[in-house]
PDB file of N, CA and C in Angstrom:
ATOM      1  N   UNK A   1      -5.220   5.494   1.506  1.00  0.00           N
ATOM      2  CA  UNK A   1      -4.705   6.911   2.253  1.00  0.00           C
ATOM      3  C   UNK A   1      -3.364   6.575   3.013  1.00  0.00           C
ATOM      4  N   UNK A   2      -3.292   5.088   3.842  1.00  0.00           N
ATOM      5  CA  UNK A   2      -1.931   4.693   4.461  1.00  0.00           C
ATOM      6  C   UNK A   2      -1.062   4.279   3.605  1.00  0.00           C
ATOM      7  N   UNK A   3      -1.055   3.916   2.163  1.00  0.00           N
ATOM      8  CA  UNK A   3      -0.302   3.422   1.525  1.00  0.00           C
ATOM      9  C   UNK A   3       0.717   4.774   0.858  1.00  0.00           C
ATOM     10  N   UNK A   4      -0.283   5.866   0.550  1.00  0.00           N
ATOM     11  CA  UNK A   4       0.460   6.811  -0.048  1.00  0.00           C
ATOM     12  C   UNK A   4       1.160   7.482   0.942  1.00  0.00           C
ATOM     13  N   UNK A   5       0.880   7.603   2.425  1.00  0.00           N
ATOM     14  CA  UNK A   5       1.981   8.346   3.161  1.00  0.00           C
ATOM     15  C   UNK A   5       2.818   7.231   3.535  1.00  0.00           C
ATOM     16  N   UNK A   6       2.761   6.292   3.537  1.00  0.00           N
ATOM     17  CA  UNK A   6       4.131   5.151   3.878  1.00  0.00           C
ATOM     18  C   UNK A   6       5.008   5.628   2.616  1.00  0.00           C
ATOM     19  N   UNK A   7       4.417   5.885   1.307  1.00  0.00           N
ATOM     20  CA  UNK A   7       5.136   5.796   0.336  1.00  0.00           C
ATOM     21  C   UNK A   7       6.207   7.265   0.166  1.00  0.00           C
ATOM     22  N   UNK A   8       5.299   8.123   0.898  1.00  0.00           N
ATOM     23  CA  UNK A   8       5.940   9.590   0.514  1.00  0.00           C
ATOM     24  C   UNK A   8       6.998   9.538   1.978  1.00  0.00           C
ATOM     25  N   UNK A   9       6.401   8.923   3.043  1.00  0.00           N
ATOM     26  CA  UNK A   9       7.400   9.302   4.298  1.00  0.00           C
ATOM     27  C   UNK A   9       8.704   8.293   3.881  1.00  0.00           C
ATOM     28  N   UNK A  10       8.690   6.989   3.534  1.00  0.00           N
ATOM     29  CA  UNK A  10       9.857   6.107   3.182  1.00  0.00           C
ATOM     30  C   UNK A  10      10.756   6.937   2.059  1.00  0.00           C
ATOM     31  N   UNK A  11      10.178   7.442   1.028  1.00  0.00           N
ATOM     32  CA  UNK A  11      10.789   8.416  -0.081  1.00  0.00           C
ATOM     33  C   UNK A  11      11.360   9.479   0.956  1.00  0.00           C
ATOM     34  N   UNK A  12      10.660  10.159   1.723  1.00  0.00           N
ATOM     35  CA  UNK A  12      11.763  11.306   2.074  1.00  0.00           C
ATOM     36  C   UNK A  12      13.237  10.488   3.338  1.00  0.00           C
ATOM     37  N   UNK A  13      12.662   9.769   3.746  1.00  0.00           N
ATOM     38  CA  UNK A  13      13.908   9.022   4.500  1.00  0.00           C
ATOM     39  C   UNK A  13      14.718   8.732   3.330  1.00  0.00           C
ATOM     40  N   UNK A  14      14.661   8.107   2.061  1.00  0.00           N
ATOM     41  CA  UNK A  14      15.824   7.648   1.752  1.00  0.00           C
ATOM     42  C   UNK A  14      16.359   8.559   1.105  1.00  0.00           C
ATOM     43  N   UNK A  15      15.520   9.883   0.843  1.00  0.00           N
ATOM     44  CA  UNK A  15      16.475  10.744   0.265  1.00  0.00           C
ATOM     45  C   UNK A  15      17.137  11.281   1.162  1.00  0.00           C
ATOM     46  N   UNK A  16      16.731  11.577   2.411  1.00  0.00           N
ATOM     47  CA  UNK A  16      17.552  12.262   3.824  1.00  0.00           C
ATOM     48  C   UNK A  16      18.598  11.231   3.820  1.00  0.00           C
ATOM     49  N   UNK A  17      18.359   9.909   3.638  1.00  0.00           N
ATOM     50  CA  UNK A  17      19.870   8.969   3.729  1.00  0.00           C
ATOM     51  C   UNK A  17      20.807   8.949   2.789  1.00  0.00           C
ATOM     52  N   UNK A  18      20.483   9.204   1.379  1.00  0.00           N
ATOM     53  CA  UNK A  18      21.225   9.472   0.068  1.00  0.00           C
ATOM     54  C   UNK A  18      21.726  10.916  -0.038  1.00  0.00           C
ATOM     55  N   UNK A  19      21.377  12.016   0.364  1.00  0.00           N
ATOM     56  CA  UNK A  19      22.154  13.008   0.161  1.00  0.00           C
ATOM     57  C   UNK A  19      22.707  13.997   1.220  1.00  0.00           C
ATOM     58  N   UNK A  20      22.258  13.621   2.822  1.00  0.00           N
ATOM     59  CA  UNK A  20      22.414  14.245   4.180  1.00  0.00           C
ATOM     60  C   UNK A  20      23.826  13.818   4.212  1.00  0.00           C
ATOM     61  N   UNK A  21      24.049  12.140   4.219  1.00  0.00           N
ATOM     62  CA  UNK A  21      25.290  11.738   4.694  1.00  0.00           C
ATOM     63  C   UNK A  21      26.246  11.032   3.387  1.00  0.00           C
ATOM     64  N   UNK A  22      27.722  11.276   4.087  1.00  0.00           N
ATOM     65  CA  UNK A  22      28.735  11.054   3.328  1.00  0.00           C
ATOM     66  C   UNK A  22      28.855   9.461   2.990  1.00  0.00           C
ATOM     67  N   UNK A  23      28.982   8.569   4.217  1.00  0.00           N
ATOM     68  CA  UNK A  23      28.700   6.819   3.979  1.00  0.00           C
ATOM     69  C   UNK A  23      27.661   6.798   3.936  1.00  0.00           C
ATOM     70  N   UNK A  24      26.827   6.323   2.680  1.00  0.00           N
ATOM     71  CA  UNK A  24      25.841   5.549   2.555  1.00  0.00           C
ATOM     72  C   UNK A  24      25.451   4.445   3.257  1.00  0.00           C
ATOM     73  N   UNK A  25      26.321   3.691   3.553  1.00  0.00           N
ATOM     74  CA  UNK A  25      26.361   2.406   4.097  1.00  0.00           C
ATOM     75  C   UNK A  25      26.056   2.290   5.383  1.00  0.00           C
ATOM     76  N   UNK A  26      26.656   3.672   6.077  1.00  0.00           N
ATOM     77  CA  UNK A  26      26.447   3.448   7.393  1.00  0.00           C
ATOM     78  C   UNK A  26      24.931   4.356   7.659  1.00  0.00           C
ATOM     79  N   UNK A  27      24.741   5.118   7.154  1.00  0.00           N
ATOM     80  CA  UNK A  27      23.286   5.679   6.627  1.00  0.00           C
ATOM     81  C   UNK A  27      22.096   5.188   6.778  1.00  0.00           C
ATOM     82  N   UNK A  28      21.995   3.982   5.629  1.00  0.00           N
ATOM     83  CA  UNK A  28      21.101   3.053   5.511  1.00  0.00           C
ATOM     84  C   UNK A  28      21.621   1.878   7.104  1.00  0.00           C
ATOM     85  N   UNK A  29      22.503   1.793   7.321  1.00  0.00           N
ATOM     86  CA  UNK A  29      22.406   0.596   8.213  1.00  0.00           C
ATOM     87  C   UNK A  29      21.862   1.204   9.216  1.00  0.00           C
ATOM     88  N   UNK A  30      21.808   2.450   9.461  1.00  0.00           N
ATOM     89  CA  UNK A  30      21.297   3.110  10.895  1.00  0.00           C
ATOM     90  C   UNK A  30      19.741   3.255  10.461  1.00  0.00           C
ATOM     91  N   UNK A  31      19.743   3.526   9.479  1.00  0.00           N
ATOM     92  CA  UNK A  31      17.986   3.314   9.314  1.00  0.00           C
ATOM     93  C   UNK A  31      16.853   2.089   9.218  1.00  0.00           C
ATOM     94  N   UNK A  32      17.904   1.385   8.843  1.00  0.00           N
ATOM     95  CA  UNK A  32      17.296  -0.481   8.791  1.00  0.00           C
ATOM     96  C   UNK A  32      17.009  -0.837  10.059  1.00  0.00           C
ATOM     97  N   UNK A  33      18.067  -0.524  10.517  1.00  0.00           N
ATOM     98  CA  UNK A  33      18.298  -1.097  12.559  1.00  0.00           C
ATOM     99  C   UNK A  33      16.834  -0.505  13.369  1.00  0.00           C
ATOM    100  N   UNK A  34      17.227   0.684  12.478  1.00  0.00           N
ATOM    101  CA  UNK A  34      16.118   1.678  13.621  1.00  0.00           C
ATOM    102  C   UNK A  34      14.604   1.907  13.326  1.00  0.00           C
ATOM    103  N   UNK A  35      14.965   1.354  11.985  1.00  0.00           N
ATOM    104  CA  UNK A  35      13.272   0.731  11.750  1.00  0.00           C
ATOM    105  C   UNK A  35      12.887  -0.329  12.174  1.00  0.00           C
ATOM    106  N   UNK A  36      13.831  -1.471  12.349  1.00  0.00           N
ATOM    107  CA  UNK A  36      13.082  -2.765  12.319  1.00  0.00           C
ATOM    108  C   UNK A  36      13.585  -3.076  13.839  1.00  0.00           C
ATOM    109  N   UNK A  37      13.881  -2.330  15.055  1.00  0.00           N
ATOM    110  CA  UNK A  37      13.943  -2.333  16.356  1.00  0.00           C
ATOM    111  C   UNK A  37      12.458  -1.777  16.835  1.00  0.00           C
ATOM    112  N   UNK A  38      12.547  -0.389  15.922  1.00  0.00           N
ATOM    113  CA  UNK A  38      10.981   0.265  16.710  1.00  0.00           C
ATOM    114  C   UNK A  38       9.699  -0.389  16.091  1.00  0.00           C
ATOM    115  N   UNK A  39       9.931  -1.157  14.925  1.00  0.00           N
ATOM    116  CA  UNK A  39       8.623  -2.212  14.496  1.00  0.00           C
ATOM    117  C   UNK A  39       8.758  -3.646  15.285  1.00  0.00           C
ATOM    118  N   UNK A  40       9.728  -4.109  15.992  1.00  0.00           N
ATOM    119  CA  UNK A  40       9.465  -5.231  17.177  1.00  0.00           C
ATOM    120  C   UNK A  40       8.797  -4.391  18.383  1.00  0.00           C
ATOM    121  N   UNK A  41       9.464  -2.880  18.901  1.00  0.00           N
ATOM    122  CA  UNK A  41       8.870  -2.790  19.745  1.00  0.00           C
ATOM    123  C   UNK A  41       7.301  -2.429  19.781  1.00  0.00           C
ATOM    124  N   UNK A  42       7.011  -1.669  18.614  1.00  0.00           N
ATOM    125  CA  UNK A  42       5.482  -1.532  18.280  1.00  0.00           C
ATOM    126  C   UNK A  42       4.931  -2.686  18.557  1.00  0.00           C
ATOM    127  N   UNK A  43       5.333  -3.671  17.638  1.00  0.00           N
ATOM    128  CA  UNK A  43       4.430  -4.967  18.164  1.00  0.00           C
ATOM    129  C   UNK A  43       4.254  -5.768  19.447  1.00  0.00           C
ATOM    130  N   UNK A  44       5.823  -5.397  19.923  1.00  0.00           N
ATOM    131  CA  UNK A  44       5.472  -5.913  21.432  1.00  0.00           C
ATOM    132  C   UNK A  44       3.922  -4.726  22.211  1.00  0.00           C
ATOM    133  N   UNK A  45       4.355  -3.717  22.114  1.00  0.00           N
ATOM    134  CA  UNK A  45       3.839  -2.973  22.709  1.00  0.00           C
ATOM    135  C   UNK A  45       2.593  -2.922  22.503  1.00  0.00           C
ATOM    136  N   UNK A  46       1.930  -2.962  21.160  1.00  0.00           N
ATOM    137  CA  UNK A  46       0.655  -3.192  21.125  1.00  0.00           C
ATOM    138  C   UNK A  46      -0.066  -4.642  21.241  1.00  0.00           C
ATOM    139  N   UNK A  47       0.902  -5.432  21.579  1.00  0.00           N
ATOM    140  CA  UNK A  47       0.243  -6.669  22.017  1.00  0.00           C
ATOM    141  C   UNK A  47      -0.286  -6.628  23.826  1.00  0.00           C
ATOM    142  N   UNK A  48       0.407  -5.639  24.130  1.00  0.00           N
ATOM    143  CA  UNK A  48       0.112  -5.595  25.916  1.00  0.00           C
ATOM    144  C   UNK A  48      -1.379  -4.969  25.822  1.00  0.00           C
ATOM    145  N   UNK A  49      -1.842  -3.944  25.006  1.00  0.00           N
ATOM    146  CA  UNK A  49      -3.269  -3.665  24.911  1.00  0.00           C
ATOM    147  C   UNK A  49      -4.452  -4.386  24.989  1.00  0.00           C
ATOM    148  N   UNK A  50      -4.824  -4.634  26.164  1.00  0.00           N
ATOM    149  CA  UNK A  50      -6.388  -4.932  26.311  1.00  0.00           C
ATOM    150  C   UNK A  50      -7.592  -4.178  26.355  1.00  0.00           C
ATOM    151  N   UNK A  51      -7.789  -2.954  26.781  1.00  0.00           N
ATOM    152  CA  UNK A  51      -8.885  -2.102  26.345  1.00  0.00           C
ATOM    153  C   UNK A  51      -8.775  -1.147  25.785  1.00  0.00           C
ATOM    154  N   UNK A  52     -10.242  -0.077  25.754  1.00  0.00           N
ATOM    155  CA  UNK A  52     -10.345   0.235  24.380  1.00  0.00           C
ATOM    156  C   UNK A  52      -9.411   1.477  25.284  1.00  0.00           C
ATOM    157  N   UNK A  53      -9.771   1.852  26.585  1.00  0.00           N
ATOM    158  CA  UNK A  53      -8.880   2.882  27.033  1.00  0.00           C
ATOM    159  C   UNK A  53      -7.253   3.117  26.882  1.00  0.00           C
ATOM    160  N   UNK A  54      -6.707   1.787  26.898  1.00  0.00           N
ATOM    161  CA  UNK A  54      -5.552   1.794  26.776  1.00  0.00           C
ATOM    162  C   UNK A  54      -5.006   1.958  25.146  1.00  0.00           C
ATOM    163  N   UNK A  55      -5.769   1.647  24.500  1.00  0.00           N
ATOM    164  CA  UNK A  55      -5.571   1.831  22.979  1.00  0.00           C
ATOM    165  C   UNK A  55      -6.233   3.570  22.604  1.00  0.00           C
ATOM    166  N   UNK A  56      -5.971   4.065  23.321  1.00  0.00           N
ATOM    167  CA  UNK A  56      -6.652   5.182  23.276  1.00  0.00           C
ATOM    168  C   UNK A  56      -5.442   6.343  24.025  1.00  0.00           C
ATOM    169  N   UNK A  57      -4.906   5.795  25.311  1.00  0.00           N
ATOM    170  CA  UNK A  57      -3.586   6.371  25.420  1.00  0.00           C
ATOM    171  C   UNK A  57      -2.186   5.870  24.633  1.00  0.00           C
ATOM    172  N   UNK A  58      -2.500   4.924  24.209  1.00  0.00           N
ATOM    173  CA  UNK A  58      -1.366   4.407  23.169  1.00  0.00           C
ATOM    174  C   UNK A  58      -1.262   4.965  21.745  1.00  0.00           C
ATOM    175  N   UNK A  59      -2.656   5.559  21.393  1.00  0.00           N
ATOM    176  CA  UNK A  59      -2.823   6.278  20.216  1.00  0.00           C
ATOM    177  C   UNK A  59      -2.081   7.736  20.356  1.00  0.00           C
ATOM    178  N   UNK A  60      -2.469   8.183  21.663  1.00  0.00           N
ATOM    179  CA  UNK A  60      -1.905   9.486  22.219  1.00  0.00           C
ATOM    180  C   UNK A  60      -0.770   9.927  22.163  1.00  0.00           C
ATOM    181  N   UNK A  61      -0.015   8.587  22.918  1.00  0.00           N
ATOM    182  CA  UNK A  61       1.386   8.640  23.015  1.00  0.00           C
ATOM    183  C   UNK A  61       2.396   8.262  21.889  1.00  0.00           C
ATOM    184  N   UNK A  62       1.592   7.609  20.614  1.00  0.00           N
ATOM    185  CA  UNK A  62       2.456   7.520  19.555  1.00  0.00           C
ATOM    186  C   UNK A  62       2.395   8.826  18.817  1.00  0.00           C
ATOM    187  N   UNK A  63       1.164   9.153  18.970  1.00  0.00           N
ATOM    188  CA  UNK A  63       1.155  10.877  17.973  1.00  0.00           C
ATOM    189  C   UNK A  63       1.749  11.649  18.980  1.00  0.00           C
ATOM    190  N   UNK A  64       1.935  11.968  20.044  1.00  0.00           N
ATOM    191  CA  UNK A  64       2.829  12.812  20.750  1.00  0.00           C
ATOM    192  C   UNK A  64       4.680  12.346  20.328  1.00  0.00           C
ATOM    193  N   UNK A  65       4.811  11.293  20.294  1.00  0.00           N
ATOM    194  CA  UNK A  65       6.306  11.093  19.781  1.00  0.00           C
ATOM    195  C   UNK A  65       6.473  11.085  18.408  1.00  0.00           C
ATOM    196  N   UNK A  66       5.299  10.797  17.567  1.00  0.00           N
ATOM    197  CA  UNK A  66       5.755  11.663  16.413  1.00  0.00           C
ATOM    198  C   UNK A  66       5.739  12.603  16.264  1.00  0.00           C
ATOM    199  N   UNK A  67       4.977  13.938  16.672  1.00  0.00           N
ATOM    200  CA  UNK A  67       5.389  15.405  16.637  1.00  0.00           C
ATOM    201  C   UNK A  67       6.579  15.429  17.021  1.00  0.00           C
ATOM    202  N   UNK A  68       6.923  15.240  18.111  1.00  0.00           N
ATOM    203  CA  UNK A  68       8.099  15.136  19.030  1.00  0.00           C
ATOM    204  C   UNK A  68       9.446  15.248  17.612  1.00  0.00           C
ATOM    205  N   UNK A  69       9.283  13.591  17.280  1.00  0.00           N
ATOM    206  CA  UNK A  69      10.502  13.318  16.206  1.00  0.00           C
ATOM    207  C   UNK A  69      10.017  14.266  15.001  1.00  0.00           C
ATOM    208  N   UNK A  70       9.695  15.156  14.515  1.00  0.00           N
ATOM    209  CA  UNK A  70       9.260  15.676  13.327  1.00  0.00           C
ATOM    210  C   UNK A  70       9.963  17.449  14.039  1.00  0.00           C
ATOM    211  N   UNK A  71       9.323  17.665  15.256  1.00  0.00           N
ATOM    212  CA  UNK A  71      10.374  19.022  15.466  1.00  0.00           C
ATOM    213  C   UNK A  71      11.521  18.525  16.130  1.00  0.00           C
ATOM    214  N   UNK A  72      12.664  17.394  16.319  1.00  0.00           N
ATOM    215  CA  UNK A  72      13.364  17.668  16.250  1.00  0.00           C
ATOM    216  C   UNK A  72      14.444  16.984  15.087  1.00  0.00           C
ATOM    217  N   UNK A  73      13.714  16.558  14.015  1.00  0.00           N
ATOM    218  CA  UNK A  73      14.189  16.633  12.899  1.00  0.00           C
ATOM    219  C   UNK A  73      14.077  17.940  12.138  1.00  0.00           C
ATOM    220  N   UNK A  74      13.039  18.978  12.391  1.00  0.00           N
ATOM    221  CA  UNK A  74      13.015  20.123  11.927  1.00  0.00           C
ATOM    222  C   UNK A  74      14.120  21.527  12.532  1.00  0.00           C
ATOM    223  N   UNK A  75      14.335  21.522  13.884  1.00  0.00           N
ATOM    224  CA  UNK A  75      15.044  22.111  14.413  1.00  0.00           C
ATOM    225  C   UNK A  75      16.458  21.561  15.116  1.00  0.00           C
ATOM    226  N   UNK A  76      16.726  20.044  14.669  1.00  0.00           N
ATOM    227  CA  UNK A  76      17.759  19.564  15.412  1.00  0.00           C
ATOM    228  C   UNK A  76      18.819  18.527  14.308  1.00  0.00           C
ATOM    229  N   UNK A  77      18.386  18.610  13.263  1.00  0.00           N
ATOM    230  CA  UNK A  77      19.372  18.398  12.040  1.00  0.00           C
ATOM    231  C   UNK A  77      19.687  19.475  11.266  1.00  0.00           C
ATOM    232  N   UNK A  78      20.885  19.964  10.946  1.00  0.00           N
ATOM    233  CA  UNK A  78      21.564  20.780   9.949  1.00  0.00           C
ATOM    234  C   UNK A  78      21.352  19.922   8.499  1.00  0.00           C
ATOM    235  N   UNK A  79      20.355  20.633   7.747  1.00  0.00           N
ATOM    236  CA  UNK A  79      20.464  19.722   6.368  1.00  0.00           C
ATOM    237  C   UNK A  79      22.016  20.445   5.438  1.00  0.00           C
ATOM    238  N   UNK A  80      21.831  19.559   4.639  1.00  0.00           N
ATOM    239  CA  UNK A  80      23.001  19.772   3.877  1.00  0.00           C
ATOM    240  C   UNK A  80      22.663  20.688   2.464  1.00  0.00           C
ATOM    241  N   UNK A  81      23.142  21.591   2.248  1.00  0.00           N
ATOM    242  CA  UNK A  81      22.688  22.437   1.153  1.00  0.00           C
ATOM    243  C   UNK A  81      23.277  22.392  -0.071  1.00  0.00           C
ATOM    244  N   UNK A  82      24.654  22.065  -0.015  1.00  0.00           N
ATOM    245  CA  UNK A  82      25.662  22.101  -1.105  1.00  0.00           C
ATOM    246  C   UNK A  82      25.272  21.978  -2.251  1.00  0.00           C
ATOM    247  N   UNK A  83      24.583  20.948  -2.261  1.00  0.00           N
ATOM    248  CA  UNK A  83      24.401  20.198  -3.535  1.00  0.00           C
ATOM    249  C   UNK A  83      23.111  21.264  -4.367  1.00  0.00           C
ATOM    250  N   UNK A  84      22.499  21.452  -3.800  1.00  0.00           N
ATOM    251  CA  UNK A  84      21.546  22.537  -4.222  1.00  0.00           C
ATOM    252  C   UNK A  84      22.325  24.187  -4.285  1.00  0.00           C
ATOM    253  N   UNK A  85      23.387  24.681  -3.631  1.00  0.00           N
ATOM    254  CA  UNK A  85      24.179  25.457  -3.893  1.00  0.00           C
ATOM    255  C   UNK A  85      24.710  25.485  -5.072  1.00  0.00           C
ATOM    256  N   UNK A  86      25.460  24.488  -4.935  1.00  0.00           N
ATOM    257  CA  UNK A  86      26.143  24.185  -6.486  1.00  0.00           C
ATOM    258  C   UNK A  86      25.713  24.515  -7.973  1.00  0.00           C
ATOM    259  N   UNK A  87      24.291  23.670  -7.512  1.00  0.00           N
ATOM    260  CA  UNK A  87      23.230  23.740  -8.857  1.00  0.00           C
ATOM    261  C   UNK A  87      23.009  24.762  -9.058  1.00  0.00           C
ATOM    262  N   UNK A  88      22.732  26.042  -8.092  1.00  0.00           N
ATOM    263  CA  UNK A  88      22.174  27.498  -8.557  1.00  0.00           C
ATOM    264  C   UNK A  88      23.180  28.122  -9.162  1.00  0.00           C
ATOM    265  N   UNK A  89      24.331  28.235  -8.140  1.00  0.00           N
ATOM    266  CA  UNK A  89      25.556  28.614  -9.009  1.00  0.00           C
ATOM    267  C   UNK A  89      25.850  28.384 -10.181  1.00  0.00           C
ATOM    268  N   UNK A  90      25.293  27.280 -10.694  1.00  0.00           N
ATOM    269  CA  UNK A  90      26.112  26.954 -12.040  1.00  0.00           C
ATOM    270  C   UNK A  90      24.802  27.614 -12.723  1.00  0.00           C
ATOM    271  N   UNK A  91      24.168  27.826 -12.632  1.00  0.00           N
ATOM    272  CA  UNK A  91      22.890  28.116 -13.505  1.00  0.00           C
ATOM    273  C   UNK A  91      21.769  27.537 -14.147  1.00  0.00           C
ATOM    274  N   UNK A  92      21.818  26.199 -13.683  1.00  0.00           N
ATOM    275  CA  UNK A  92      20.971  25.016 -14.418  1.00  0.00           C
ATOM    276  C   UNK A  92      19.515  25.141 -13.925  1.00  0.00           C
ATOM    277  N   UNK A  93      19.011  25.955 -12.957  1.00  0.00           N
ATOM    278  CA  UNK A  93      17.674  26.619 -12.855  1.00  0.00           C
ATOM    279  C   UNK A  93      17.264  27.617 -13.249  1.00  0.00           C
TER     280      UNK A  93
END
């Protein structure tokens, strides 16, 4: 199950980086930089967890961060619909 979710999320992120930004090199550079920094930060934070209670609080905080990140994306990121609009106007669909 985890592999399917990871694959779907990566495919979604690659689509956003590919179609929503004009300069692909900048979009993917920021994506991979942020992914690496967050991976490092996560590993460091997980290494500090010592008790079962700290694991519970950690997963609650990570879950809240995940929900916040999705809401920030949905409400704060204007999607570029110009390609879809142009294709619909041509009658390809």
